Amino acid sequence: MNNANYSGASNISFVNGSCKKIGNDAFIFPVGKENKIAPISIAAPAFTTDAFRAEYFMSVPHDSGYDSTQKGPA
């Protein structure tokens, strides 16, 4: 929900699957797979009703059907 937070994410404590954040705060999703945390972050959205879902996949995006040339600079 809006203003939600977490603590204690690590290689042995993370979301193994999809994680959803609602609200207008910058957020780091504590996601990962197979004993490896791989956090994903977003900047602060505009509205308290904005919602984002994140999940980490251990694969090359291009090999999974995504056009990796469309990725913005890091």
N, C-alpha and C. Protein backbone atom coordinates (compact mmCIF):
# COMPACT_ATOMS: atom_id res chain seq x y z
N MET A 1 0.83 -1.18 0.00
CA MET A 1 0.00 0.00 0.00
C MET A 1 0.88 1.25 0.00
N ASN A 2 0.27 2.42 -0.05
CA ASN A 2 1.01 3.66 -0.01
C ASN A 2 1.79 3.77 1.30
N ASN A 3 3.02 4.23 1.22
CA ASN A 3 3.94 4.38 2.35
C ASN A 3 4.42 3.05 2.93
N ALA A 4 4.17 1.93 2.26
CA ALA A 4 4.64 0.63 2.75
C ALA A 4 6.15 0.56 2.67
N ASN A 5 6.74 -0.24 3.54
CA ASN A 5 8.18 -0.41 3.59
C ASN A 5 8.49 -1.84 4.02
N TYR A 6 9.73 -2.22 3.99
CA TYR A 6 10.16 -3.54 4.44
C TYR A 6 11.57 -3.39 5.02
N SER A 7 12.01 -4.44 5.69
CA SER A 7 13.40 -4.47 6.17
C SER A 7 13.87 -5.91 6.19
N GLY A 8 15.17 -6.09 6.14
CA GLY A 8 15.74 -7.42 6.26
C GLY A 8 15.90 -8.20 4.98
N ALA A 9 15.76 -7.60 3.83
CA ALA A 9 15.95 -8.34 2.58
C ALA A 9 17.41 -8.76 2.44
N SER A 10 17.61 -9.98 1.98
CA SER A 10 18.97 -10.51 1.80
C SER A 10 18.89 -11.71 0.86
N ASN A 11 20.01 -12.39 0.64
CA ASN A 11 20.02 -13.57 -0.22
C ASN A 11 19.22 -14.73 0.36
N ILE A 12 18.85 -14.64 1.65
CA ILE A 12 18.02 -15.69 2.25
C ILE A 12 16.63 -15.17 2.63
N SER A 13 16.34 -13.92 2.32
CA SER A 13 15.04 -13.34 2.67
C SER A 13 14.63 -12.31 1.62
N PHE A 14 13.82 -12.75 0.65
CA PHE A 14 13.35 -11.88 -0.42
C PHE A 14 12.06 -12.45 -0.98
N VAL A 15 11.40 -11.69 -1.84
CA VAL A 15 10.17 -12.16 -2.49
C VAL A 15 10.57 -13.00 -3.69
N ASN A 16 10.21 -14.27 -3.67
CA ASN A 16 10.49 -15.19 -4.77
C ASN A 16 9.22 -15.27 -5.62
N GLY A 17 9.03 -14.25 -6.45
CA GLY A 17 7.83 -14.15 -7.26
C GLY A 17 7.48 -12.70 -7.48
N SER A 18 6.23 -12.43 -7.68
CA SER A 18 5.76 -11.10 -8.00
C SER A 18 5.54 -10.28 -6.73
N CYS A 19 5.86 -8.99 -6.80
CA CYS A 19 5.70 -8.06 -5.68
C CYS A 19 5.02 -6.80 -6.22
N LYS A 20 3.96 -6.34 -5.55
CA LYS A 20 3.21 -5.18 -6.01
C LYS A 20 3.33 -4.04 -5.00
N LYS A 21 3.55 -2.82 -5.50
CA LYS A 21 3.62 -1.61 -4.68
C LYS A 21 2.60 -0.62 -5.19
N ILE A 22 1.79 -0.08 -4.27
CA ILE A 22 0.81 0.95 -4.60
C ILE A 22 1.22 2.22 -3.87
N GLY A 23 1.19 3.36 -4.55
CA GLY A 23 1.47 4.63 -3.89
C GLY A 23 2.42 5.51 -4.67
N ASN A 24 2.75 6.66 -4.08
CA ASN A 24 3.58 7.64 -4.77
C ASN A 24 4.96 7.80 -4.15
N ASP A 25 5.51 6.71 -3.64
CA ASP A 25 6.85 6.71 -3.05
C ASP A 25 7.82 5.95 -3.94
N ALA A 26 9.08 6.43 -3.97
CA ALA A 26 10.13 5.62 -4.59
C ALA A 26 10.18 4.31 -3.81
N PHE A 27 10.54 3.23 -4.48
CA PHE A 27 10.49 1.92 -3.81
C PHE A 27 11.51 0.99 -4.43
N ILE A 28 12.09 0.15 -3.60
CA ILE A 28 12.98 -0.92 -4.07
C ILE A 28 12.27 -2.24 -3.79
N PHE A 29 11.95 -2.96 -4.85
CA PHE A 29 11.27 -4.25 -4.72
C PHE A 29 12.29 -5.30 -4.27
N PRO A 30 12.06 -5.99 -3.15
CA PRO A 30 13.00 -6.98 -2.64
C PRO A 30 12.79 -8.35 -3.28
N VAL A 31 13.01 -8.44 -4.59
CA VAL A 31 12.73 -9.66 -5.33
C VAL A 31 14.03 -10.40 -5.67
N GLY A 32 13.89 -11.67 -6.01
CA GLY A 32 15.04 -12.49 -6.40
C GLY A 32 14.58 -13.88 -6.79
N LYS A 33 15.54 -14.75 -7.02
CA LYS A 33 15.28 -16.15 -7.36
C LYS A 33 16.48 -16.99 -6.91
N GLU A 34 16.20 -18.24 -6.56
CA GLU A 34 17.23 -19.24 -6.28
C GLU A 34 18.35 -18.73 -5.37
N ASN A 35 18.01 -18.30 -4.17
CA ASN A 35 18.99 -17.86 -3.17
C ASN A 35 19.80 -16.65 -3.60
N LYS A 36 19.22 -15.78 -4.43
CA LYS A 36 19.91 -14.56 -4.87
C LYS A 36 18.92 -13.41 -4.91
N ILE A 37 19.16 -12.39 -4.10
CA ILE A 37 18.33 -11.19 -4.15
C ILE A 37 18.75 -10.36 -5.36
N ALA A 38 17.78 -9.79 -6.06
CA ALA A 38 18.04 -8.97 -7.24
C ALA A 38 17.07 -7.79 -7.21
N PRO A 39 17.29 -6.83 -6.32
CA PRO A 39 16.33 -5.74 -6.14
C PRO A 39 16.11 -4.91 -7.40
N ILE A 40 14.88 -4.45 -7.56
CA ILE A 40 14.46 -3.62 -8.69
C ILE A 40 13.87 -2.35 -8.11
N SER A 41 14.28 -1.18 -8.61
CA SER A 41 13.78 0.06 -8.02
C SER A 41 12.97 0.88 -9.02
N ILE A 42 12.08 1.72 -8.46
CA ILE A 42 11.32 2.68 -9.24
C ILE A 42 11.45 4.05 -8.58
N ALA A 43 11.36 5.10 -9.38
CA ALA A 43 11.30 6.46 -8.85
C ALA A 43 9.90 6.70 -8.32
N ALA A 44 9.72 7.79 -7.62
CA ALA A 44 8.41 8.09 -7.04
C ALA A 44 7.39 8.37 -8.14
N PRO A 45 6.31 7.59 -8.21
CA PRO A 45 5.23 7.86 -9.15
C PRO A 45 4.48 9.14 -8.76
N ALA A 46 3.56 9.57 -9.58
CA ALA A 46 2.86 10.84 -9.36
C ALA A 46 1.70 10.74 -8.36
N PHE A 47 1.00 9.63 -8.32
CA PHE A 47 -0.24 9.55 -7.56
C PHE A 47 -0.22 8.44 -6.52
N THR A 48 -0.97 8.61 -5.43
CA THR A 48 -1.05 7.59 -4.38
C THR A 48 -1.76 6.33 -4.85
N THR A 49 -2.44 6.41 -5.98
CA THR A 49 -3.16 5.24 -6.53
C THR A 49 -2.35 4.50 -7.59
N ASP A 50 -1.15 5.02 -7.95
CA ASP A 50 -0.32 4.33 -8.94
C ASP A 50 0.13 2.98 -8.39
N ALA A 51 0.17 1.98 -9.25
CA ALA A 51 0.55 0.63 -8.84
C ALA A 51 1.57 0.06 -9.81
N PHE A 52 2.57 -0.62 -9.26
CA PHE A 52 3.61 -1.28 -10.05
C PHE A 52 3.84 -2.67 -9.51
N ARG A 53 4.09 -3.61 -10.41
CA ARG A 53 4.38 -4.98 -10.04
C ARG A 53 5.75 -5.34 -10.63
N ALA A 54 6.59 -6.00 -9.83
CA ALA A 54 7.92 -6.38 -10.30
C ALA A 54 8.20 -7.84 -9.94
N GLU A 55 8.98 -8.48 -10.80
CA GLU A 55 9.44 -9.85 -10.55
C GLU A 55 10.77 -10.02 -11.26
N TYR A 56 11.69 -10.73 -10.63
CA TYR A 56 13.00 -10.98 -11.21
C TYR A 56 12.99 -12.33 -11.93
N PHE A 57 13.52 -12.33 -13.16
CA PHE A 57 13.66 -13.57 -13.92
C PHE A 57 15.12 -13.76 -14.24
N MET A 58 15.65 -14.94 -13.97
CA MET A 58 17.05 -15.25 -14.25
C MET A 58 17.18 -15.69 -15.71
N SER A 59 17.14 -14.72 -16.63
CA SER A 59 17.26 -15.04 -18.04
C SER A 59 17.71 -13.79 -18.79
N VAL A 60 18.20 -13.99 -19.99
CA VAL A 60 18.56 -12.89 -20.86
C VAL A 60 17.27 -12.36 -21.46
N PRO A 61 16.91 -11.08 -21.25
CA PRO A 61 15.62 -10.57 -21.73
C PRO A 61 15.39 -10.82 -23.22
N HIS A 62 16.40 -10.61 -24.04
CA HIS A 62 16.25 -10.80 -25.49
C HIS A 62 15.88 -12.25 -25.80
N ASP A 63 16.48 -13.20 -25.07
CA ASP A 63 16.18 -14.62 -25.30
C ASP A 63 14.76 -14.99 -24.88
N SER A 64 14.13 -14.14 -24.05
CA SER A 64 12.77 -14.39 -23.59
C SER A 64 11.72 -13.64 -24.40
N GLY A 65 12.13 -13.01 -25.51
CA GLY A 65 11.18 -12.36 -26.38
C GLY A 65 11.08 -10.85 -26.22
N TYR A 66 11.88 -10.26 -25.31
CA TYR A 66 11.84 -8.81 -25.13
C TYR A 66 12.87 -8.15 -26.03
N ASP A 67 12.52 -7.02 -26.60
CA ASP A 67 13.44 -6.28 -27.46
C ASP A 67 14.35 -5.45 -26.56
N SER A 68 15.51 -5.98 -26.23
CA SER A 68 16.41 -5.31 -25.29
C SER A 68 17.05 -4.05 -25.88
N THR A 69 16.88 -3.81 -27.18
CA THR A 69 17.39 -2.56 -27.75
C THR A 69 16.51 -1.38 -27.35
N GLN A 70 15.30 -1.64 -26.83
CA GLN A 70 14.39 -0.58 -26.41
C GLN A 70 14.63 -0.12 -24.98
N LYS A 71 15.57 -0.73 -24.29
CA LYS A 71 15.88 -0.34 -22.90
C LYS A 71 16.54 1.02 -22.87
N GLY A 72 16.10 1.86 -21.95
CA GLY A 72 16.71 3.17 -21.76
C GLY A 72 18.06 3.03 -21.07
N PRO A 73 18.87 4.08 -21.11
CA PRO A 73 20.17 4.02 -20.45
C PRO A 73 20.03 3.88 -18.94
N ALA A 74 20.96 3.20 -18.34
CA ALA A 74 20.92 2.97 -16.88
C ALA A 74 21.32 4.18 -16.11
